[in-house]
Structures are given as structure tokens and as C-alpha cells.
Amino acid sequence: MPLYKTITVNKDTFIAIWKVGETEGDLAKGIQLSDHCQSRYDGMKSELHRRAFLSIRHLMALYGYEDKDLYYDEFGKPHLKDGNLISITHSHNFTGIIISKSEEVGIDIEKKREKILRIAHKFTPFEEYRTLANTEAIVRKLTIVWGAKESLYKIYGQQGISFLHHIHVTDFSFSENQTTAEIIYDGKVSHYHVHFMEFEGFTLVYGIRQKTG
């Protein structure tokens, strides 16, 4: 099976990444979907999306979970029935999950593409990146920032949050592989640790909410 990578973040938090290479039929073997998830699966027109959906169930199985252990709230945020925290992502032929016993977590995988330059103004003050050496560096940084904001949005799990106005990512260097961020929304401020890594033209970003008090 093409389990691509596992990461032990700490004693309570784990990441697993899958590189989807199997057929849909092979991925379906041994997977039992709940009625809700079967309905979602049946409604997917893209075979790639269906394969990604199934691969995520194989990632969950690495940590002892079946599809029936997963449910979604009214905002579409996934939860585990045993109270552990989970976040899910997929991009093209890569999928990933992060599971934690004690921390609020979010994960995102993005393919690095120059088209992000056209939408940058919608999610970050683009002038902050004009000092970078070249277009490739700008695309790299913007992809990390977008992934960071996606992962934090998944943690927060509420509609109405603006990537541009409410989620703020502290500037960083590529060599650090981490930064911090905050969400300021509805009069409340929450703080996050953000970590990132790059592989095969993709960027993985995960966020962990800092505990207060």
C-alpha cells in the first residue's frame, strides 16, 4: 500500500500521508462506509475524489479507526466519536490526516502552482511578498500561507471567517519549517503553532491550537 509518510508530532499527535496510486476497486477492499459517507461517495463524479476518499479510510485504519467512527458537524468539520481530534485533507494524488488525543489540529496539502499569484490578494496582503527573490519563492511562500490559513480554518470550524481579515500568519523563513498564527474573530483571539514541509511539488501544513491558561 502506498503509505507515503507518517509523522509523530508528539506523544499525542500523529500525521499520516497517502500517495494514491491504486485503482478504486483495490482501495474499496476492506472498507465499510456508513450510510452518510456512502451517500457522499456515490455522489462524487470524479474518480480521483472517490479514490482519495477511500484512501483516507485506510489512513484512519492505521490508528484503529473505521468509517463508522467518524462523523461531521453542521459546518462539515470531521470528528471522531471517541473524542480524539481529527483533520483531513486531499490534493490531487495525495491525502493526509492528523489525529490528536489532546490538541485541536488542522491539516492541509496543496499543490504548488503559479495560479496562486492571481488569488493571493484574496487571502493575504500580497505586498509582503514582493521582496522575495523570484516567482518560485513567492509561489512557495504563498502556498505555505494558504495552507496555514486552511488548516487554521479547519480547526476553528465556523463559517464567516475571512482568510484575509481574520487569520494572520507570522512571517517566516523556509528553513525554519514553522511559524505562528492567530485568528481574531468576533472579539476573540486564538493562537496557533504552524508547521510545514514540502515534497514532490506539494506543501503540507498543519496547525495546532495553543492552549490558554
N, C-alpha and C. Protein backbone atom coordinates (compact mmCIF):
# COMPACT_ATOMS: atom_id res chain seq x y z
N MET A 1 0.85 -1.19 0.00
CA MET A 1 0.00 0.00 0.00
C MET A 1 0.89 1.24 0.00
N PRO A 2 0.48 2.26 -0.71
CA PRO A 2 1.35 3.44 -0.82
C PRO A 2 1.20 4.43 0.33
N LEU A 3 1.42 3.95 1.54
CA LEU A 3 1.54 4.88 2.66
C LEU A 3 2.82 5.66 2.42
N TYR A 4 2.69 6.97 2.27
CA TYR A 4 3.82 7.79 1.84
C TYR A 4 4.71 8.20 3.01
N LYS A 5 4.09 8.61 4.11
CA LYS A 5 4.88 9.10 5.24
C LYS A 5 4.02 9.14 6.49
N THR A 6 4.62 8.85 7.63
CA THR A 6 3.98 9.11 8.91
C THR A 6 4.88 10.03 9.72
N ILE A 7 4.26 10.88 10.52
CA ILE A 7 4.99 11.85 11.34
C ILE A 7 4.45 11.78 12.76
N THR A 8 5.32 11.58 13.71
CA THR A 8 4.92 11.67 15.11
C THR A 8 5.22 13.09 15.58
N VAL A 9 4.18 13.89 15.71
CA VAL A 9 4.35 15.29 16.11
C VAL A 9 4.76 15.37 17.58
N ASN A 10 4.06 14.63 18.40
CA ASN A 10 4.39 14.48 19.82
C ASN A 10 3.70 13.21 20.31
N LYS A 11 3.73 12.96 21.60
CA LYS A 11 3.20 11.70 22.13
C LYS A 11 1.70 11.53 21.90
N ASP A 12 1.00 12.63 21.61
CA ASP A 12 -0.45 12.56 21.45
C ASP A 12 -0.93 12.84 20.02
N THR A 13 -0.04 13.26 19.13
CA THR A 13 -0.47 13.78 17.84
C THR A 13 0.32 13.13 16.70
N PHE A 14 -0.42 12.66 15.68
CA PHE A 14 0.19 11.87 14.61
C PHE A 14 -0.35 12.28 13.25
N ILE A 15 0.51 12.21 12.24
CA ILE A 15 0.14 12.53 10.86
C ILE A 15 0.46 11.32 9.98
N ALA A 16 -0.42 11.06 9.02
CA ALA A 16 -0.16 10.02 8.02
C ALA A 16 -0.55 10.56 6.65
N ILE A 17 0.29 10.28 5.64
CA ILE A 17 0.07 10.76 4.28
C ILE A 17 0.04 9.56 3.33
N TRP A 18 -0.88 9.60 2.40
CA TRP A 18 -1.05 8.53 1.42
C TRP A 18 -0.82 9.09 0.01
N LYS A 19 -0.08 8.39 -0.80
CA LYS A 19 0.07 8.72 -2.21
C LYS A 19 -0.82 7.77 -3.00
N VAL A 20 -1.89 8.29 -3.55
CA VAL A 20 -2.92 7.46 -4.16
C VAL A 20 -2.43 6.95 -5.51
N GLY A 21 -2.25 5.63 -5.59
CA GLY A 21 -1.80 5.02 -6.82
C GLY A 21 -2.61 3.81 -7.23
N GLU A 22 -3.45 3.33 -6.33
CA GLU A 22 -4.23 2.12 -6.58
C GLU A 22 -5.49 2.44 -7.40
N THR A 23 -6.10 1.39 -7.89
CA THR A 23 -7.40 1.55 -8.54
C THR A 23 -8.47 1.77 -7.47
N GLU A 24 -9.60 2.26 -7.91
CA GLU A 24 -10.72 2.45 -6.99
C GLU A 24 -11.15 1.12 -6.38
N GLY A 25 -11.15 0.07 -7.20
CA GLY A 25 -11.54 -1.24 -6.71
C GLY A 25 -10.62 -1.77 -5.63
N ASP A 26 -9.33 -1.59 -5.82
CA ASP A 26 -8.37 -2.04 -4.81
C ASP A 26 -8.54 -1.26 -3.51
N LEU A 27 -8.77 0.03 -3.61
CA LEU A 27 -8.93 0.86 -2.42
C LEU A 27 -10.22 0.53 -1.67
N ALA A 28 -11.21 0.06 -2.39
CA ALA A 28 -12.51 -0.24 -1.76
C ALA A 28 -12.46 -1.52 -0.94
N LYS A 29 -11.48 -2.37 -1.18
CA LYS A 29 -11.40 -3.64 -0.47
C LYS A 29 -11.21 -3.41 1.03
N GLY A 30 -12.06 -4.04 1.82
CA GLY A 30 -11.95 -3.95 3.27
C GLY A 30 -12.51 -2.69 3.88
N ILE A 31 -13.09 -1.81 3.06
CA ILE A 31 -13.64 -0.55 3.58
C ILE A 31 -15.16 -0.64 3.64
N GLN A 32 -15.71 -0.39 4.80
CA GLN A 32 -17.15 -0.37 5.00
C GLN A 32 -17.55 1.06 5.34
N LEU A 33 -18.34 1.70 4.47
CA LEU A 33 -18.74 3.08 4.68
C LEU A 33 -20.08 3.16 5.41
N SER A 34 -20.22 4.19 6.24
CA SER A 34 -21.51 4.46 6.86
C SER A 34 -22.49 4.91 5.79
N ASP A 35 -23.78 4.92 6.11
CA ASP A 35 -24.78 5.34 5.14
C ASP A 35 -24.50 6.76 4.66
N HIS A 36 -24.14 7.64 5.59
CA HIS A 36 -23.87 9.04 5.24
C HIS A 36 -22.69 9.14 4.29
N CYS A 37 -21.59 8.44 4.63
CA CYS A 37 -20.39 8.52 3.80
C CYS A 37 -20.57 7.78 2.48
N GLN A 38 -21.36 6.71 2.48
CA GLN A 38 -21.65 6.01 1.23
C GLN A 38 -22.40 6.93 0.28
N SER A 39 -23.33 7.71 0.83
CA SER A 39 -24.08 8.66 0.01
C SER A 39 -23.15 9.73 -0.56
N ARG A 40 -22.22 10.22 0.26
CA ARG A 40 -21.25 11.19 -0.23
C ARG A 40 -20.39 10.58 -1.33
N TYR A 41 -19.93 9.38 -1.09
CA TYR A 41 -19.07 8.68 -2.04
C TYR A 41 -19.80 8.47 -3.38
N ASP A 42 -21.04 8.03 -3.31
CA ASP A 42 -21.81 7.76 -4.52
C ASP A 42 -22.05 9.03 -5.32
N GLY A 43 -22.06 10.17 -4.64
CA GLY A 43 -22.31 11.44 -5.33
C GLY A 43 -21.08 12.09 -5.93
N MET A 44 -19.92 11.48 -5.74
CA MET A 44 -18.68 12.05 -6.28
C MET A 44 -18.52 11.67 -7.75
N LYS A 45 -18.47 12.67 -8.61
CA LYS A 45 -18.35 12.43 -10.05
C LYS A 45 -16.91 12.12 -10.45
N SER A 46 -15.95 12.60 -9.67
CA SER A 46 -14.54 12.40 -10.01
C SER A 46 -14.01 11.10 -9.41
N GLU A 47 -13.43 10.25 -10.25
CA GLU A 47 -12.83 9.02 -9.73
C GLU A 47 -11.68 9.35 -8.79
N LEU A 48 -10.92 10.39 -9.09
CA LEU A 48 -9.81 10.78 -8.22
C LEU A 48 -10.31 11.12 -6.83
N HIS A 49 -11.44 11.83 -6.76
CA HIS A 49 -12.01 12.17 -5.46
C HIS A 49 -12.47 10.91 -4.71
N ARG A 50 -13.06 9.98 -5.42
CA ARG A 50 -13.51 8.74 -4.78
C ARG A 50 -12.32 7.94 -4.25
N ARG A 51 -11.26 7.88 -5.05
CA ARG A 51 -10.06 7.16 -4.61
C ARG A 51 -9.44 7.84 -3.40
N ALA A 52 -9.42 9.18 -3.41
CA ALA A 52 -8.89 9.92 -2.26
C ALA A 52 -9.73 9.65 -1.02
N PHE A 53 -11.03 9.65 -1.19
CA PHE A 53 -11.97 9.40 -0.09
C PHE A 53 -11.70 8.04 0.55
N LEU A 54 -11.51 7.03 -0.28
CA LEU A 54 -11.23 5.69 0.24
C LEU A 54 -9.86 5.60 0.89
N SER A 55 -8.88 6.28 0.31
CA SER A 55 -7.52 6.22 0.89
C SER A 55 -7.49 6.80 2.29
N ILE A 56 -8.32 7.81 2.53
CA ILE A 56 -8.37 8.41 3.87
C ILE A 56 -8.87 7.38 4.88
N ARG A 57 -9.78 6.51 4.46
CA ARG A 57 -10.26 5.46 5.37
C ARG A 57 -9.14 4.47 5.69
N HIS A 58 -8.23 4.25 4.74
CA HIS A 58 -7.07 3.39 5.03
C HIS A 58 -6.12 4.09 6.00
N LEU A 59 -5.97 5.39 5.87
CA LEU A 59 -5.14 6.13 6.82
C LEU A 59 -5.73 6.06 8.22
N MET A 60 -7.04 6.21 8.33
CA MET A 60 -7.69 6.10 9.63
C MET A 60 -7.46 4.73 10.25
N ALA A 61 -7.47 3.69 9.41
CA ALA A 61 -7.30 2.33 9.91
C ALA A 61 -5.93 2.13 10.55
N LEU A 62 -4.95 2.92 10.14
CA LEU A 62 -3.62 2.83 10.75
C LEU A 62 -3.68 3.11 12.25
N TYR A 63 -4.65 3.91 12.65
CA TYR A 63 -4.78 4.29 14.06
C TYR A 63 -6.00 3.64 14.71
N GLY A 64 -6.49 2.58 14.08
CA GLY A 64 -7.55 1.78 14.70
C GLY A 64 -8.96 2.28 14.47
N TYR A 65 -9.15 3.16 13.48
CA TYR A 65 -10.48 3.73 13.24
C TYR A 65 -11.10 3.18 11.96
N GLU A 66 -12.42 3.05 12.00
CA GLU A 66 -13.21 2.72 10.82
C GLU A 66 -14.06 3.92 10.46
N ASP A 67 -14.68 3.85 9.28
CA ASP A 67 -15.50 4.96 8.83
C ASP A 67 -16.62 5.26 9.83
N LYS A 68 -17.16 4.22 10.46
CA LYS A 68 -18.27 4.42 11.40
C LYS A 68 -17.85 5.22 12.63
N ASP A 69 -16.53 5.36 12.86
CA ASP A 69 -16.04 6.13 14.00
C ASP A 69 -15.98 7.62 13.71
N LEU A 70 -16.33 8.00 12.48
CA LEU A 70 -16.21 9.39 12.03
C LEU A 70 -17.59 9.99 11.82
N TYR A 71 -17.75 11.25 12.22
CA TYR A 71 -18.98 11.97 11.89
C TYR A 71 -18.64 13.43 11.60
N TYR A 72 -19.58 14.13 10.97
CA TYR A 72 -19.36 15.52 10.57
C TYR A 72 -20.40 16.42 11.24
N ASP A 73 -19.96 17.59 11.69
CA ASP A 73 -20.90 18.52 12.32
C ASP A 73 -21.58 19.38 11.25
N GLU A 74 -22.36 20.37 11.70
CA GLU A 74 -23.16 21.17 10.75
C GLU A 74 -22.31 22.02 9.83
N PHE A 75 -21.04 22.25 10.20
CA PHE A 75 -20.14 23.04 9.35
C PHE A 75 -19.30 22.14 8.44
N GLY A 76 -19.52 20.84 8.52
CA GLY A 76 -18.75 19.91 7.70
C GLY A 76 -17.42 19.51 8.30
N LYS A 77 -17.20 19.87 9.57
CA LYS A 77 -15.95 19.52 10.24
C LYS A 77 -16.00 18.08 10.72
N PRO A 78 -14.98 17.27 10.44
CA PRO A 78 -14.99 15.88 10.89
C PRO A 78 -14.65 15.74 12.37
N HIS A 79 -15.24 14.76 13.02
CA HIS A 79 -14.98 14.45 14.42
C HIS A 79 -14.89 12.94 14.60
N LEU A 80 -14.15 12.52 15.62
CA LEU A 80 -14.11 11.11 15.99
C LEU A 80 -15.02 10.89 17.19
N LYS A 81 -15.72 9.79 17.19
CA LYS A 81 -16.71 9.54 18.24
C LYS A 81 -16.08 9.29 19.60
N ASP A 82 -14.79 8.91 19.64
CA ASP A 82 -14.16 8.67 20.93
C ASP A 82 -13.61 9.95 21.57
N GLY A 83 -13.81 11.09 20.91
CA GLY A 83 -13.38 12.36 21.48
C GLY A 83 -12.01 12.83 21.03
N ASN A 84 -11.24 11.97 20.37
CA ASN A 84 -9.97 12.42 19.80
C ASN A 84 -10.24 13.37 18.64
N LEU A 85 -9.24 14.18 18.31
CA LEU A 85 -9.41 15.22 17.30
C LEU A 85 -8.81 14.76 15.98
N ILE A 86 -9.49 15.11 14.87
CA ILE A 86 -9.01 14.70 13.54
C ILE A 86 -9.21 15.83 12.54
N SER A 87 -8.30 15.91 11.59
CA SER A 87 -8.46 16.79 10.44
C SER A 87 -8.01 16.01 9.21
N ILE A 88 -8.63 16.32 8.07
CA ILE A 88 -8.46 15.54 6.84
C ILE A 88 -8.15 16.48 5.68
N THR A 89 -7.31 16.02 4.76
CA THR A 89 -7.01 16.83 3.57
C THR A 89 -6.74 15.93 2.38
N HIS A 90 -6.97 16.47 1.19
CA HIS A 90 -6.53 15.78 -0.03
C HIS A 90 -6.27 16.81 -1.12
N SER A 91 -5.28 16.53 -1.95
CA SER A 91 -4.93 17.38 -3.08
C SER A 91 -4.35 16.50 -4.17
N HIS A 92 -5.08 16.41 -5.29
CA HIS A 92 -4.64 15.58 -6.41
C HIS A 92 -4.42 14.14 -5.93
N ASN A 93 -3.19 13.63 -5.99
CA ASN A 93 -2.96 12.23 -5.63
C ASN A 93 -2.38 12.06 -4.23
N PHE A 94 -2.46 13.08 -3.40
CA PHE A 94 -2.02 12.96 -2.01
C PHE A 94 -3.19 13.20 -1.06
N THR A 95 -3.26 12.38 -0.02
CA THR A 95 -4.23 12.61 1.04
C THR A 95 -3.51 12.56 2.38
N GLY A 96 -4.12 13.13 3.40
CA GLY A 96 -3.48 13.13 4.71
C GLY A 96 -4.47 13.31 5.83
N ILE A 97 -4.10 12.82 7.00
CA ILE A 97 -4.89 13.05 8.21
C ILE A 97 -3.94 13.41 9.35
N ILE A 98 -4.47 14.16 10.29
CA ILE A 98 -3.78 14.39 11.56
C ILE A 98 -4.75 14.03 12.66
N ILE A 99 -4.29 13.27 13.62
CA ILE A 99 -5.11 12.83 14.76
C ILE A 99 -4.39 13.20 16.04
N SER A 100 -5.14 13.74 16.99
CA SER A 100 -4.55 14.11 18.28
C SER A 100 -5.47 13.71 19.41
N LYS A 101 -4.86 13.26 20.50
CA LYS A 101 -5.62 12.90 21.69
C LYS A 101 -5.90 14.12 22.58
N SER A 102 -5.15 15.22 22.36
CA SER A 102 -5.24 16.31 23.32
C SER A 102 -5.24 17.71 22.73
N GLU A 103 -4.95 17.84 21.42
CA GLU A 103 -4.79 19.17 20.84
C GLU A 103 -5.74 19.36 19.66
N GLU A 104 -6.23 20.60 19.52
CA GLU A 104 -7.03 20.94 18.36
C GLU A 104 -6.10 21.12 17.17
N VAL A 105 -6.35 20.38 16.09
CA VAL A 105 -5.40 20.31 14.98
C VAL A 105 -6.11 20.49 13.64
N GLY A 106 -5.35 20.97 12.67
CA GLY A 106 -5.84 21.09 11.30
C GLY A 106 -4.71 20.79 10.34
N ILE A 107 -5.04 20.25 9.17
CA ILE A 107 -4.02 19.87 8.20
C ILE A 107 -4.47 20.25 6.80
N ASP A 108 -3.50 20.58 5.93
CA ASP A 108 -3.81 20.91 4.55
C ASP A 108 -2.64 20.51 3.67
N ILE A 109 -2.94 19.94 2.51
CA ILE A 109 -1.94 19.68 1.48
C ILE A 109 -2.33 20.48 0.25
N GLU A 110 -1.36 21.18 -0.33
CA GLU A 110 -1.59 21.99 -1.52
C GLU A 110 -0.53 21.71 -2.57
N LYS A 111 -0.95 21.68 -3.83
CA LYS A 111 -0.01 21.58 -4.94
C LYS A 111 0.51 22.98 -5.25
N LYS A 112 1.82 23.12 -5.39
CA LYS A 112 2.40 24.43 -5.70
C LYS A 112 2.13 24.76 -7.17
N ARG A 113 1.40 25.87 -7.39
CA ARG A 113 1.06 26.28 -8.75
C ARG A 113 1.08 27.81 -8.84
N GLU A 114 1.52 28.32 -9.98
CA GLU A 114 1.64 29.77 -10.14
C GLU A 114 0.29 30.47 -10.12
N LYS A 115 -0.79 29.74 -10.33
CA LYS A 115 -2.10 30.40 -10.34
C LYS A 115 -2.43 31.00 -8.97
N ILE A 116 -1.70 30.59 -7.94
CA ILE A 116 -1.93 31.18 -6.62
C ILE A 116 -1.61 32.67 -6.61
N LEU A 117 -0.75 33.10 -7.54
CA LEU A 117 -0.41 34.53 -7.65
C LEU A 117 -1.66 35.36 -7.99
N ARG A 118 -2.59 34.77 -8.73
CA ARG A 118 -3.77 35.51 -9.17
C ARG A 118 -4.80 35.68 -8.05
N ILE A 119 -4.74 34.82 -7.04
CA ILE A 119 -5.74 34.91 -5.96
C ILE A 119 -5.14 35.37 -4.64
N ALA A 120 -3.83 35.64 -4.66
CA ALA A 120 -3.15 35.98 -3.39
C ALA A 120 -3.81 37.15 -2.67
N HIS A 121 -4.25 38.14 -3.42
CA HIS A 121 -4.84 39.34 -2.80
C HIS A 121 -6.11 39.02 -2.03
N LYS A 122 -6.69 37.85 -2.29
CA LYS A 122 -7.92 37.48 -1.61
C LYS A 122 -7.69 36.89 -0.23
N PHE A 123 -6.44 36.46 0.05
CA PHE A 123 -6.21 35.82 1.34
C PHE A 123 -5.03 36.35 2.13
N THR A 124 -4.22 37.24 1.55
CA THR A 124 -3.08 37.77 2.28
C THR A 124 -2.64 39.11 1.68
N PRO A 125 -2.07 40.01 2.48
CA PRO A 125 -1.53 41.26 1.92
C PRO A 125 -0.35 40.94 1.01
N PHE A 126 -0.57 40.93 -0.29
CA PHE A 126 0.42 40.42 -1.24
C PHE A 126 1.71 41.22 -1.22
N GLU A 127 1.64 42.51 -0.88
CA GLU A 127 2.86 43.33 -0.91
C GLU A 127 3.93 42.82 0.04
N GLU A 128 3.54 42.03 1.02
CA GLU A 128 4.51 41.48 1.96
C GLU A 128 5.50 40.53 1.28
N TYR A 129 5.17 40.03 0.11
CA TYR A 129 5.99 39.00 -0.53
C TYR A 129 6.77 39.50 -1.74
N ARG A 130 6.65 40.78 -2.05
CA ARG A 130 7.31 41.31 -3.24
C ARG A 130 8.83 41.40 -3.07
N THR A 131 9.32 41.28 -1.87
CA THR A 131 10.77 41.35 -1.65
C THR A 131 11.46 40.00 -1.88
N LEU A 132 10.69 38.95 -2.10
CA LEU A 132 11.29 37.63 -2.32
C LEU A 132 12.05 37.59 -3.65
N ALA A 133 13.01 36.68 -3.73
CA ALA A 133 13.98 36.70 -4.82
C ALA A 133 13.37 36.47 -6.19
N ASN A 134 12.39 35.59 -6.30
CA ASN A 134 11.87 35.25 -7.62
C ASN A 134 10.45 34.69 -7.50
N THR A 135 9.86 34.45 -8.63
CA THR A 135 8.47 33.97 -8.66
C THR A 135 8.33 32.64 -7.93
N GLU A 136 9.29 31.75 -8.11
CA GLU A 136 9.22 30.44 -7.44
C GLU A 136 9.15 30.60 -5.92
N ALA A 137 9.96 31.50 -5.38
CA ALA A 137 9.96 31.74 -3.94
C ALA A 137 8.63 32.32 -3.48
N ILE A 138 8.07 33.22 -4.28
CA ILE A 138 6.77 33.81 -3.93
C ILE A 138 5.69 32.74 -3.92
N VAL A 139 5.70 31.88 -4.94
CA VAL A 139 4.70 30.80 -5.00
C VAL A 139 4.86 29.86 -3.81
N ARG A 140 6.08 29.53 -3.45
CA ARG A 140 6.32 28.67 -2.29
C ARG A 140 5.73 29.29 -1.03
N LYS A 141 6.04 30.57 -0.81
CA LYS A 141 5.59 31.20 0.43
C LYS A 141 4.07 31.36 0.45
N LEU A 142 3.50 31.77 -0.67
CA LEU A 142 2.05 31.93 -0.72
C LEU A 142 1.33 30.59 -0.49
N THR A 143 1.91 29.51 -1.01
CA THR A 143 1.29 28.20 -0.82
C THR A 143 1.32 27.79 0.64
N ILE A 144 2.42 28.09 1.31
CA ILE A 144 2.50 27.80 2.75
C ILE A 144 1.49 28.63 3.54
N VAL A 145 1.40 29.91 3.20
CA VAL A 145 0.45 30.79 3.90
C VAL A 145 -0.98 30.33 3.67
N TRP A 146 -1.31 29.99 2.43
CA TRP A 146 -2.66 29.48 2.13
C TRP A 146 -2.93 28.19 2.92
N GLY A 147 -1.97 27.28 2.91
CA GLY A 147 -2.13 26.03 3.66
C GLY A 147 -2.30 26.27 5.14
N ALA A 148 -1.54 27.23 5.67
CA ALA A 148 -1.67 27.57 7.09
C ALA A 148 -3.07 28.07 7.40
N LYS A 149 -3.58 28.96 6.55
CA LYS A 149 -4.90 29.52 6.80
C LYS A 149 -5.99 28.46 6.63
N GLU A 150 -5.80 27.56 5.68
CA GLU A 150 -6.76 26.45 5.52
C GLU A 150 -6.77 25.57 6.77
N SER A 151 -5.59 25.24 7.28
CA SER A 151 -5.52 24.35 8.44
C SER A 151 -6.13 25.02 9.67
N LEU A 152 -5.91 26.32 9.82
CA LEU A 152 -6.50 27.03 10.96
C LEU A 152 -8.01 27.16 10.82
N TYR A 153 -8.45 27.39 9.59
CA TYR A 153 -9.89 27.46 9.34
C TYR A 153 -10.57 26.15 9.72
N LYS A 154 -9.91 25.03 9.42
CA LYS A 154 -10.45 23.73 9.77
C LYS A 154 -10.53 23.53 11.27
N ILE A 155 -9.53 24.06 11.98
CA ILE A 155 -9.57 23.96 13.44
C ILE A 155 -10.72 24.77 14.01
N TYR A 156 -10.85 26.00 13.53
CA TYR A 156 -11.86 26.90 14.08
C TYR A 156 -13.27 26.38 13.81
N GLY A 157 -13.50 25.88 12.61
CA GLY A 157 -14.75 25.18 12.31
C GLY A 157 -16.00 26.02 12.35
N GLN A 158 -15.89 27.30 11.97
CA GLN A 158 -17.08 28.15 11.94
C GLN A 158 -17.11 28.93 10.63
N GLN A 159 -18.30 29.12 10.11
CA GLN A 159 -18.45 29.92 8.91
C GLN A 159 -18.33 31.40 9.24
N GLY A 160 -17.97 32.19 8.24
CA GLY A 160 -17.90 33.63 8.42
C GLY A 160 -16.50 34.17 8.60
N ILE A 161 -15.51 33.28 8.76
CA ILE A 161 -14.14 33.73 8.94
C ILE A 161 -13.52 34.05 7.59
N SER A 162 -12.88 35.21 7.52
CA SER A 162 -12.20 35.64 6.31
C SER A 162 -10.71 35.31 6.40
N PHE A 163 -10.19 34.62 5.38
CA PHE A 163 -8.76 34.34 5.35
C PHE A 163 -7.95 35.64 5.37
N LEU A 164 -8.44 36.67 4.67
CA LEU A 164 -7.71 37.92 4.55
C LEU A 164 -7.78 38.75 5.82
N HIS A 165 -8.94 38.84 6.42
CA HIS A 165 -9.15 39.79 7.51
C HIS A 165 -9.04 39.18 8.92
N HIS A 166 -9.25 37.89 9.05
CA HIS A 166 -9.33 37.31 10.39
C HIS A 166 -8.18 36.37 10.75
N ILE A 167 -7.50 35.79 9.75
CA ILE A 167 -6.41 34.85 10.02
C ILE A 167 -5.08 35.50 9.63
N HIS A 168 -4.17 35.58 10.60
CA HIS A 168 -2.90 36.29 10.39
C HIS A 168 -1.74 35.33 10.67
N VAL A 169 -0.87 35.15 9.65
CA VAL A 169 0.27 34.25 9.75
C VAL A 169 1.54 35.07 9.90
N THR A 170 2.32 34.79 10.94
CA THR A 170 3.59 35.48 11.16
C THR A 170 4.58 35.12 10.06
N ASP A 171 5.33 36.12 9.57
CA ASP A 171 6.30 35.85 8.51
C ASP A 171 7.34 34.84 8.99
N PHE A 172 7.96 34.15 8.05
CA PHE A 172 8.85 33.04 8.38
C PHE A 172 9.88 32.87 7.27
N SER A 173 10.93 32.13 7.57
CA SER A 173 11.88 31.71 6.55
C SER A 173 11.61 30.25 6.21
N PHE A 174 11.94 29.86 4.98
CA PHE A 174 11.68 28.48 4.56
C PHE A 174 12.43 27.48 5.43
N SER A 175 13.64 27.84 5.86
CA SER A 175 14.47 26.90 6.61
C SER A 175 13.92 26.60 7.99
N GLU A 176 13.08 27.45 8.52
CA GLU A 176 12.53 27.24 9.87
C GLU A 176 11.48 26.14 9.90
N ASN A 177 10.76 25.99 8.80
CA ASN A 177 9.70 24.97 8.70
C ASN A 177 8.58 25.15 9.71
N GLN A 178 8.49 26.32 10.29
CA GLN A 178 7.40 26.57 11.23
C GLN A 178 7.20 28.06 11.43
N THR A 179 6.06 28.42 11.97
CA THR A 179 5.76 29.80 12.30
C THR A 179 4.61 29.80 13.31
N THR A 180 4.05 30.95 13.56
CA THR A 180 2.88 31.07 14.43
C THR A 180 1.79 31.83 13.67
N ALA A 181 0.59 31.77 14.20
CA ALA A 181 -0.52 32.46 13.58
C ALA A 181 -1.59 32.75 14.62
N GLU A 182 -2.53 33.60 14.26
CA GLU A 182 -3.64 33.89 15.16
C GLU A 182 -4.91 34.13 14.35
N ILE A 183 -6.02 33.85 14.98
CA ILE A 183 -7.33 34.19 14.44
C ILE A 183 -7.96 35.22 15.35
N ILE A 184 -8.33 36.33 14.77
CA ILE A 184 -9.04 37.38 15.51
C ILE A 184 -10.43 37.48 14.90
N TYR A 185 -11.42 37.04 15.66
CA TYR A 185 -12.77 36.94 15.10
C TYR A 185 -13.80 37.09 16.21
N ASP A 186 -14.79 37.90 15.95
CA ASP A 186 -15.91 38.07 16.86
C ASP A 186 -15.44 38.47 18.27
N GLY A 187 -14.40 39.32 18.31
CA GLY A 187 -13.90 39.81 19.58
C GLY A 187 -13.02 38.86 20.35
N LYS A 188 -12.68 37.71 19.73
CA LYS A 188 -11.85 36.72 20.41
C LYS A 188 -10.56 36.50 19.62
N VAL A 189 -9.50 36.16 20.35
CA VAL A 189 -8.20 35.89 19.73
C VAL A 189 -7.76 34.49 20.13
N SER A 190 -7.35 33.70 19.14
CA SER A 190 -6.79 32.38 19.42
C SER A 190 -5.45 32.27 18.71
N HIS A 191 -4.52 31.52 19.31
CA HIS A 191 -3.14 31.45 18.81
C HIS A 191 -2.79 30.02 18.41
N TYR A 192 -1.90 29.90 17.42
CA TYR A 192 -1.61 28.60 16.82
C TYR A 192 -0.12 28.45 16.50
N HIS A 193 0.37 27.22 16.62
CA HIS A 193 1.66 26.84 16.07
C HIS A 193 1.40 26.27 14.68
N VAL A 194 2.25 26.63 13.73
CA VAL A 194 2.10 26.17 12.35
C VAL A 194 3.41 25.52 11.90
N HIS A 195 3.32 24.36 11.27
CA HIS A 195 4.50 23.66 10.77
C HIS A 195 4.26 23.30 9.30
N PHE A 196 5.31 23.27 8.51
CA PHE A 196 5.15 22.96 7.09
C PHE A 196 6.32 22.16 6.57
N MET A 197 6.05 21.41 5.50
CA MET A 197 7.09 20.66 4.80
C MET A 197 6.69 20.55 3.33
N GLU A 198 7.68 20.36 2.46
CA GLU A 198 7.44 20.30 1.02
C GLU A 198 7.94 18.98 0.45
N PHE A 199 7.21 18.42 -0.51
CA PHE A 199 7.61 17.17 -1.14
C PHE A 199 6.92 17.04 -2.50
N GLU A 200 7.66 16.60 -3.49
CA GLU A 200 7.13 16.28 -4.82
C GLU A 200 6.22 17.35 -5.39
N GLY A 201 6.57 18.62 -5.18
CA GLY A 201 5.76 19.70 -5.71
C GLY A 201 4.53 20.04 -4.89
N PHE A 202 4.42 19.45 -3.70
CA PHE A 202 3.29 19.71 -2.81
C PHE A 202 3.79 20.31 -1.50
N THR A 203 2.90 20.97 -0.80
CA THR A 203 3.21 21.56 0.51
C THR A 203 2.21 21.04 1.53
N LEU A 204 2.74 20.50 2.61
CA LEU A 204 1.92 20.05 3.74
C LEU A 204 2.05 21.07 4.86
N VAL A 205 0.93 21.52 5.37
CA VAL A 205 0.92 22.45 6.50
C VAL A 205 -0.02 21.89 7.56
N TYR A 206 0.41 21.95 8.81
CA TYR A 206 -0.51 21.59 9.88
C TYR A 206 -0.43 22.62 11.01
N GLY A 207 -1.57 22.84 11.63
CA GLY A 207 -1.66 23.81 12.71
C GLY A 207 -2.12 23.16 13.99
N ILE A 208 -1.65 23.68 15.12
CA ILE A 208 -2.05 23.20 16.44
C ILE A 208 -2.46 24.42 17.27
N ARG A 209 -3.63 24.37 17.81
CA ARG A 209 -4.10 25.50 18.62
C ARG A 209 -3.39 25.51 19.97
N GLN A 210 -2.86 26.67 20.33
CA GLN A 210 -2.20 26.81 21.62
C GLN A 210 -3.24 26.88 22.73
N LYS A 211 -2.95 26.14 23.80
CA LYS A 211 -3.86 26.16 24.93
C LYS A 211 -3.68 27.42 25.74
N THR A 212 -4.76 27.94 26.28
CA THR A 212 -4.70 29.13 27.09
C THR A 212 -4.80 28.77 28.56
N GLY A 213 -4.30 29.68 29.38
CA GLY A 213 -4.40 29.49 30.82
C GLY A 213 -3.35 28.58 31.39
